[in-house]
Amino acid sequence: MLTVGLMIVAGLAAFAGCKGEPAADPGVQGVEAQAQGAEPDQEEPTGAATSGEVEERKHYYSPYYLTLTGGDFVFRTVTFQDVGMKQPEPGPMAPEVLETIAHSLAEKFTEHEGLTFSSQVFVDRALEDPNNHLFCESEHLYVALWRGYSPDRWGYSLWSGCAEEHQFAWEEVLDPVGVDKDVKGSVEYLTESIAESVSKASEAKCFLANC
């Protein structure tokens, strides 16, 4: 039932002019350059570039999503996009990391004293197809994720819609644990920050870049 609904939503999104991705790249401030601590023109090729072939950075879509219930809240669904989680290497992040992020954020949402709703995690492989993603769906919180290095850190941006003005948060948080050493411990720094950003926006009743 969910997959059929997603296909219908995707069709409506295309009709509205949102064709598979937000109007602006979720890493508005230059995800890769920010992660490397360098200006864009200083960026050096990585991954396949070592053999003389530059591999274009791809975005990936998590099959894990959250539902939010209870409370007076504008979002009822949360989805995730990987816009550079394996930097400086190309390719998608391991599925278990995406799953851990989803479960950790569900816990943070439920436990946060400033948020009055509960959250559950579900999985739908159809969401891995960009055509089925929920960018422009109403009551939808879209989370773009990336990794930075030197020092290791998590980055994210939060979107209430698919246009540039719908980005209401952009943050990077240090990861003193390391995702390769302790996935759950590492992602808690990320999900705590996301929950706090959502709480602040909810308190201000502002889920846009400017209100």
C-alpha atoms as a PDB file:
ATOM      1  CA  MET A   1       0.000   0.000   0.000  1.00  0.00           C
ATOM      2  CA  LEU A   2       2.810   2.424   0.905  1.00  0.00           C
ATOM      3  CA  THR A   3       4.686   1.728  -2.335  1.00  0.00           C
ATOM      4  CA  VAL A   4       1.608   2.529  -4.429  1.00  0.00           C
ATOM      5  CA  GLY A   5       1.094   5.724  -2.446  1.00  0.00           C
ATOM      6  CA  LEU A   6       4.702   6.729  -3.015  1.00  0.00           C
ATOM      7  CA  MET A   7       4.376   6.231  -6.774  1.00  0.00           C
ATOM      8  CA  ILE A   8       1.317   8.471  -6.804  1.00  0.00           C
ATOM      9  CA  VAL A   9       3.145  11.115  -4.779  1.00  0.00           C
ATOM     10  CA  ALA A  10       6.102  10.937  -7.147  1.00  0.00           C
ATOM     11  CA  GLY A  11       3.803  11.601 -10.081  1.00  0.00           C
ATOM     12  CA  LEU A  12       2.271  14.609  -8.372  1.00  0.00           C
ATOM     13  CA  ALA A  13       5.740  15.919  -7.489  1.00  0.00           C
ATOM     14  CA  ALA A  14       6.823  15.734 -11.118  1.00  0.00           C
ATOM     15  CA  PHE A  15       3.680  17.614 -12.169  1.00  0.00           C
ATOM     16  CA  ALA A  16       4.490  20.328  -9.621  1.00  0.00           C
ATOM     17  CA  GLY A  17       7.999  20.772 -10.993  1.00  0.00           C
ATOM     18  CA  CYS A  18       9.874  18.757  -8.354  1.00  0.00           C
ATOM     19  CA  LYS A  19      11.488  16.019 -10.376  1.00  0.00           C
ATOM     20  CA  GLY A  20      13.385  13.707  -8.043  1.00  0.00           C
ATOM     21  CA  GLU A  21      15.467  16.279  -6.137  1.00  0.00           C
ATOM     22  CA  PRO A  22      14.983  19.545  -4.244  1.00  0.00           C
ATOM     23  CA  ALA A  23      15.472  22.766  -6.189  1.00  0.00           C
ATOM     24  CA  ALA A  24      18.876  23.185  -4.557  1.00  0.00           C
ATOM     25  CA  ASP A  25      21.490  20.617  -3.569  1.00  0.00           C
ATOM     26  CA  PRO A  26      20.899  19.664   0.114  1.00  0.00           C
ATOM     27  CA  GLY A  27      24.556  20.487   0.795  1.00  0.00           C
ATOM     28  CA  VAL A  28      23.925  24.117  -0.048  1.00  0.00           C
ATOM     29  CA  GLN A  29      27.198  25.288   1.459  1.00  0.00           C
ATOM     30  CA  GLY A  30      29.256  22.863  -0.653  1.00  0.00           C
ATOM     31  CA  VAL A  31      29.255  19.481   1.060  1.00  0.00           C
ATOM     32  CA  GLU A  32      32.540  18.165  -0.291  1.00  0.00           C
ATOM     33  CA  ALA A  33      34.497  21.393   0.084  1.00  0.00           C
ATOM     34  CA  GLN A  34      33.152  21.863   3.624  1.00  0.00           C
ATOM     35  CA  ALA A  35      34.070  18.290   4.521  1.00  0.00           C
ATOM     36  CA  GLN A  36      37.626  18.694   3.292  1.00  0.00           C
ATOM     37  CA  GLY A  37      38.052  22.028   5.029  1.00  0.00           C
ATOM     38  CA  ALA A  38      38.973  23.649   1.709  1.00  0.00           C
ATOM     39  CA  GLU A  39      37.511  26.108  -0.754  1.00  0.00           C
ATOM     40  CA  PRO A  40      35.865  24.477  -3.801  1.00  0.00           C
ATOM     41  CA  ASP A  41      38.699  25.448  -6.144  1.00  0.00           C
ATOM     42  CA  GLN A  42      41.203  23.745  -3.842  1.00  0.00           C
ATOM     43  CA  GLU A  43      39.394  20.414  -3.868  1.00  0.00           C
ATOM     44  CA  GLU A  44      41.459  17.462  -5.067  1.00  0.00           C
ATOM     45  CA  PRO A  45      39.998  14.431  -6.870  1.00  0.00           C
ATOM     46  CA  THR A  46      39.459  11.346  -4.733  1.00  0.00           C
ATOM     47  CA  GLY A  47      38.444   7.712  -5.219  1.00  0.00           C
ATOM     48  CA  ALA A  48      38.582   6.782  -8.900  1.00  0.00           C
ATOM     49  CA  ALA A  49      40.434  10.025  -9.600  1.00  0.00           C
ATOM     50  CA  THR A  50      43.684   8.414  -8.434  1.00  0.00           C
ATOM     51  CA  SER A  51      43.709   6.406 -11.662  1.00  0.00           C
ATOM     52  CA  GLY A  52      43.048   9.480 -13.771  1.00  0.00           C
ATOM     53  CA  GLU A  53      39.252   9.068 -13.873  1.00  0.00           C
ATOM     54  CA  VAL A  54      37.114  11.414 -11.798  1.00  0.00           C
ATOM     55  CA  GLU A  55      33.980   9.701 -10.504  1.00  0.00           C
ATOM     56  CA  GLU A  56      31.034  12.015 -10.094  1.00  0.00           C
ATOM     57  CA  ARG A  57      29.610  12.187  -6.577  1.00  0.00           C
ATOM     58  CA  LYS A  58      26.246  10.450  -6.473  1.00  0.00           C
ATOM     59  CA  HIS A  59      23.365  10.795  -4.051  1.00  0.00           C
ATOM     60  CA  TYR A  60      21.653   7.790  -2.492  1.00  0.00           C
ATOM     61  CA  TYR A  61      18.310   7.309  -0.810  1.00  0.00           C
ATOM     62  CA  SER A  62      17.712   5.447   2.422  1.00  0.00           C
ATOM     63  CA  PRO A  63      14.958   2.820   2.509  1.00  0.00           C
ATOM     64  CA  TYR A  64      14.428   3.595   6.200  1.00  0.00           C
ATOM     65  CA  TYR A  65      11.834   6.168   7.156  1.00  0.00           C
ATOM     66  CA  LEU A  66      10.121   7.423  10.307  1.00  0.00           C
ATOM     67  CA  THR A  67       6.489   8.030  11.111  1.00  0.00           C
ATOM     68  CA  LEU A  68       5.589  10.619  13.741  1.00  0.00           C
ATOM     69  CA  THR A  69       2.416  10.382  15.816  1.00  0.00           C
ATOM     70  CA  GLY A  70       0.862  12.489  18.541  1.00  0.00           C
ATOM     71  CA  GLY A  71       1.322  16.137  19.386  1.00  0.00           C
ATOM     72  CA  ASP A  72       0.657  19.258  17.369  1.00  0.00           C
ATOM     73  CA  PHE A  73       3.353  18.838  14.724  1.00  0.00           C
ATOM     74  CA  VAL A  74       3.591  19.663  11.026  1.00  0.00           C
ATOM     75  CA  PHE A  75       5.537  16.536   9.979  1.00  0.00           C
ATOM     76  CA  ARG A  76       4.252  12.975   9.898  1.00  0.00           C
ATOM     77  CA  THR A  77       6.978  11.299   7.813  1.00  0.00           C
ATOM     78  CA  VAL A  78      10.792  11.587   7.834  1.00  0.00           C
ATOM     79  CA  THR A  79      13.071  10.331   5.043  1.00  0.00           C
ATOM     80  CA  PHE A  80      16.830  10.449   4.455  1.00  0.00           C
ATOM     81  CA  GLN A  81      19.209  11.090   1.576  1.00  0.00           C
ATOM     82  CA  ASP A  82      22.937  10.297   1.530  1.00  0.00           C
ATOM     83  CA  VAL A  83      24.691  13.224  -0.206  1.00  0.00           C
ATOM     84  CA  GLY A  84      28.259  12.288   0.753  1.00  0.00           C
ATOM     85  CA  MET A  85      28.382   9.970   3.770  1.00  0.00           C
ATOM     86  CA  LYS A  86      31.465   8.057   2.614  1.00  0.00           C
ATOM     87  CA  GLN A  87      33.666  11.057   1.915  1.00  0.00           C
ATOM     88  CA  PRO A  88      36.321  11.223   0.647  1.00  0.00           C
ATOM     89  CA  GLU A  89      35.457   7.944  -1.124  1.00  0.00           C
ATOM     90  CA  PRO A  90      32.557   7.564  -3.573  1.00  0.00           C
ATOM     91  CA  GLY A  91      29.677   5.155  -3.086  1.00  0.00           C
ATOM     92  CA  PRO A  92      26.775   4.707  -0.655  1.00  0.00           C
ATOM     93  CA  MET A  93      27.031   4.347   3.099  1.00  0.00           C
ATOM     94  CA  ALA A  94      26.581   0.858   4.542  1.00  0.00           C
ATOM     95  CA  PRO A  95      22.885  -0.031   5.065  1.00  0.00           C
ATOM     96  CA  GLU A  96      23.423  -0.771   8.760  1.00  0.00           C
ATOM     97  CA  VAL A  97      24.556   2.826   9.308  1.00  0.00           C
ATOM     98  CA  LEU A  98      21.406   4.181   7.655  1.00  0.00           C
ATOM     99  CA  GLU A  99      19.282   1.850   9.778  1.00  0.00           C
ATOM    100  CA  THR A 100      21.084   2.900  12.953  1.00  0.00           C
ATOM    101  CA  ILE A 101      20.555   6.577  12.144  1.00  0.00           C
ATOM    102  CA  ALA A 102      16.833   6.018  11.653  1.00  0.00           C
ATOM    103  CA  HIS A 103      16.397   4.138  14.932  1.00  0.00           C
ATOM    104  CA  SER A 104      18.564   6.595  16.849  1.00  0.00           C
ATOM    105  CA  LEU A 105      16.624   9.594  15.545  1.00  0.00           C
ATOM    106  CA  ALA A 106      13.313   7.913  16.393  1.00  0.00           C
ATOM    107  CA  GLU A 107      14.548   7.525  19.967  1.00  0.00           C
ATOM    108  CA  LYS A 108      15.799  11.126  20.163  1.00  0.00           C
ATOM    109  CA  PHE A 109      12.504  12.464  18.833  1.00  0.00           C
ATOM    110  CA  THR A 110      10.514  10.431  21.331  1.00  0.00           C
ATOM    111  CA  GLU A 111      12.751  11.317  24.293  1.00  0.00           C
ATOM    112  CA  HIS A 112      13.291  15.024  23.558  1.00  0.00           C
ATOM    113  CA  GLU A 113      11.568  17.150  26.191  1.00  0.00           C
ATOM    114  CA  GLY A 114      10.777  19.857  23.644  1.00  0.00           C
ATOM    115  CA  LEU A 115       8.954  17.498  21.263  1.00  0.00           C
ATOM    116  CA  THR A 116       5.562  15.987  22.036  1.00  0.00           C
ATOM    117  CA  PHE A 117       5.309  13.076  19.633  1.00  0.00           C
ATOM    118  CA  SER A 118       6.507   9.498  19.305  1.00  0.00           C
ATOM    119  CA  SER A 119       8.318   7.975  16.353  1.00  0.00           C
ATOM    120  CA  GLN A 120       8.653   4.562  14.729  1.00  0.00           C
ATOM    121  CA  VAL A 121      10.999   3.204  12.059  1.00  0.00           C
ATOM    122  CA  PHE A 122       9.861   1.372   8.934  1.00  0.00           C
ATOM    123  CA  VAL A 123      11.640   0.163   5.809  1.00  0.00           C
ATOM    124  CA  ASP A 124      10.491   0.340   2.192  1.00  0.00           C
ATOM    125  CA  ARG A 125      13.033  -0.582  -0.504  1.00  0.00           C
ATOM    126  CA  ALA A 126      11.020   1.397  -3.047  1.00  0.00           C
ATOM    127  CA  LEU A 127      12.347   4.581  -1.425  1.00  0.00           C
ATOM    128  CA  GLU A 128      15.812   3.791  -2.777  1.00  0.00           C
ATOM    129  CA  ASP A 129      14.488   4.774  -6.206  1.00  0.00           C
ATOM    130  CA  PRO A 130      14.685   8.608  -6.582  1.00  0.00           C
ATOM    131  CA  ASN A 131      11.401   8.555  -8.478  1.00  0.00           C
ATOM    132  CA  ASN A 132       9.660   7.295  -5.347  1.00  0.00           C
ATOM    133  CA  HIS A 133      11.178   9.735  -2.898  1.00  0.00           C
ATOM    134  CA  LEU A 134       8.931  12.114  -0.966  1.00  0.00           C
ATOM    135  CA  PHE A 135      10.655  15.475  -1.529  1.00  0.00           C
ATOM    136  CA  CYS A 136       7.518  17.509  -2.151  1.00  0.00           C
ATOM    137  CA  GLU A 137       4.991  15.576  -0.093  1.00  0.00           C
ATOM    138  CA  SER A 138       3.102  17.550   2.532  1.00  0.00           C
ATOM    139  CA  GLU A 139       3.811  16.845   6.222  1.00  0.00           C
ATOM    140  CA  HIS A 140       7.213  15.453   5.215  1.00  0.00           C
ATOM    141  CA  LEU A 141      10.601  16.171   6.821  1.00  0.00           C
ATOM    142  CA  TYR A 142      13.501  15.504   4.470  1.00  0.00           C
ATOM    143  CA  VAL A 143      16.993  14.964   5.954  1.00  0.00           C
ATOM    144  CA  ALA A 144      20.153  15.220   3.814  1.00  0.00           C
ATOM    145  CA  LEU A 145      23.232  13.597   5.387  1.00  0.00           C
ATOM    146  CA  TRP A 146      26.985  13.709   4.794  1.00  0.00           C
ATOM    147  CA  ARG A 147      30.303  13.085   6.541  1.00  0.00           C
ATOM    148  CA  GLY A 148      33.216  15.425   7.000  1.00  0.00           C
ATOM    149  CA  TYR A 149      36.803  14.553   7.882  1.00  0.00           C
ATOM    150  CA  SER A 150      39.889  16.176   9.440  1.00  0.00           C
ATOM    151  CA  PRO A 151      38.244  16.289  11.920  1.00  0.00           C
ATOM    152  CA  ASP A 152      35.589  13.576  11.611  1.00  0.00           C
ATOM    153  CA  ARG A 153      32.115  15.037  11.742  1.00  0.00           C
ATOM    154  CA  TRP A 154      28.517  14.550  10.666  1.00  0.00           C
ATOM    155  CA  GLY A 155      26.643  17.044   8.539  1.00  0.00           C
ATOM    156  CA  TYR A 156      22.963  17.442   7.803  1.00  0.00           C
ATOM    157  CA  SER A 157      20.376  19.793   6.356  1.00  0.00           C
ATOM    158  CA  LEU A 158      16.647  19.728   7.071  1.00  0.00           C
ATOM    159  CA  TRP A 159      13.963  20.478   4.506  1.00  0.00           C
ATOM    160  CA  SER A 160      10.214  21.056   4.826  1.00  0.00           C
ATOM    161  CA  GLY A 161       9.741  20.956   1.037  1.00  0.00           C
ATOM    162  CA  CYS A 162      11.592  20.765  -2.260  1.00  0.00           C
ATOM    163  CA  ALA A 163      12.384  24.444  -2.893  1.00  0.00           C
ATOM    164  CA  GLU A 164      15.457  26.331  -1.714  1.00  0.00           C
ATOM    165  CA  GLU A 165      13.492  28.365   0.815  1.00  0.00           C
ATOM    166  CA  HIS A 166      12.370  25.130   2.512  1.00  0.00           C
ATOM    167  CA  GLN A 167      15.800  24.395   3.986  1.00  0.00           C
ATOM    168  CA  PHE A 168      15.418  25.395   7.635  1.00  0.00           C
ATOM    169  CA  ALA A 169      18.595  23.915   9.145  1.00  0.00           C
ATOM    170  CA  TRP A 170      22.207  23.223   8.106  1.00  0.00           C
ATOM    171  CA  GLU A 171      24.637  21.900  10.714  1.00  0.00           C
ATOM    172  CA  GLU A 172      27.852  19.962  11.182  1.00  0.00           C
ATOM    173  CA  VAL A 173      28.675  18.235  14.486  1.00  0.00           C
ATOM    174  CA  LEU A 174      31.940  16.637  15.583  1.00  0.00           C
ATOM    175  CA  ASP A 175      32.117  12.856  15.827  1.00  0.00           C
ATOM    176  CA  PRO A 176      34.684  12.000  18.528  1.00  0.00           C
ATOM    177  CA  VAL A 177      33.730   8.292  18.446  1.00  0.00           C
ATOM    178  CA  GLY A 178      34.139   7.355  14.785  1.00  0.00           C
ATOM    179  CA  VAL A 179      31.501   5.567  12.731  1.00  0.00           C
ATOM    180  CA  ASP A 180      33.959   2.732  11.961  1.00  0.00           C
ATOM    181  CA  LYS A 181      34.503   2.055  15.670  1.00  0.00           C
ATOM    182  CA  ASP A 182      31.032   2.387  17.182  1.00  0.00           C
ATOM    183  CA  VAL A 183      28.162   3.080  14.797  1.00  0.00           C
ATOM    184  CA  LYS A 184      25.510   3.651  17.458  1.00  0.00           C
ATOM    185  CA  GLY A 185      27.745   5.849  19.586  1.00  0.00           C
ATOM    186  CA  SER A 186      28.845   7.830  16.553  1.00  0.00           C
ATOM    187  CA  VAL A 187      25.410   8.590  15.124  1.00  0.00           C
ATOM    188  CA  GLU A 188      24.045   9.767  18.484  1.00  0.00           C
ATOM    189  CA  TYR A 189      25.931  13.034  18.058  1.00  0.00           C
ATOM    190  CA  LEU A 190      24.166  13.468  14.725  1.00  0.00           C
ATOM    191  CA  THR A 191      20.668  12.508  15.824  1.00  0.00           C
ATOM    192  CA  GLU A 192      20.797  14.570  19.027  1.00  0.00           C
ATOM    193  CA  SER A 193      21.599  17.618  16.928  1.00  0.00           C
ATOM    194  CA  ILE A 194      18.830  16.889  14.426  1.00  0.00           C
ATOM    195  CA  ALA A 195      16.257  16.505  17.204  1.00  0.00           C
ATOM    196  CA  GLU A 196      17.411  19.774  18.756  1.00  0.00           C
ATOM    197  CA  SER A 197      17.178  21.610  15.417  1.00  0.00           C
ATOM    198  CA  VAL A 198      13.645  20.305  14.885  1.00  0.00           C
ATOM    199  CA  SER A 199      12.702  21.312  18.422  1.00  0.00           C
ATOM    200  CA  LYS A 200      13.980  24.865  17.905  1.00  0.00           C
ATOM    201  CA  ALA A 201      12.146  25.214  14.609  1.00  0.00           C
ATOM    202  CA  SER A 202       8.981  23.832  16.174  1.00  0.00           C
ATOM    203  CA  GLU A 203       9.206  26.270  19.065  1.00  0.00           C
ATOM    204  CA  ALA A 204       9.712  29.158  16.636  1.00  0.00           C
ATOM    205  CA  LYS A 205       6.960  27.785  14.365  1.00  0.00           C
ATOM    206  CA  CYS A 206       9.345  28.284  11.460  1.00  0.00           C
ATOM    207  CA  PHE A 207      10.275  25.515   9.013  1.00  0.00           C
ATOM    208  CA  LEU A 208      11.622  27.795   6.284  1.00  0.00           C
ATOM    209  CA  ALA A 209      14.988  29.433   5.595  1.00  0.00           C
ATOM    210  CA  ASN A 210      13.451  32.789   6.536  1.00  0.00           C
ATOM    211  CA  CYS A 211      10.299  33.480   8.514  1.00  0.00           C
END
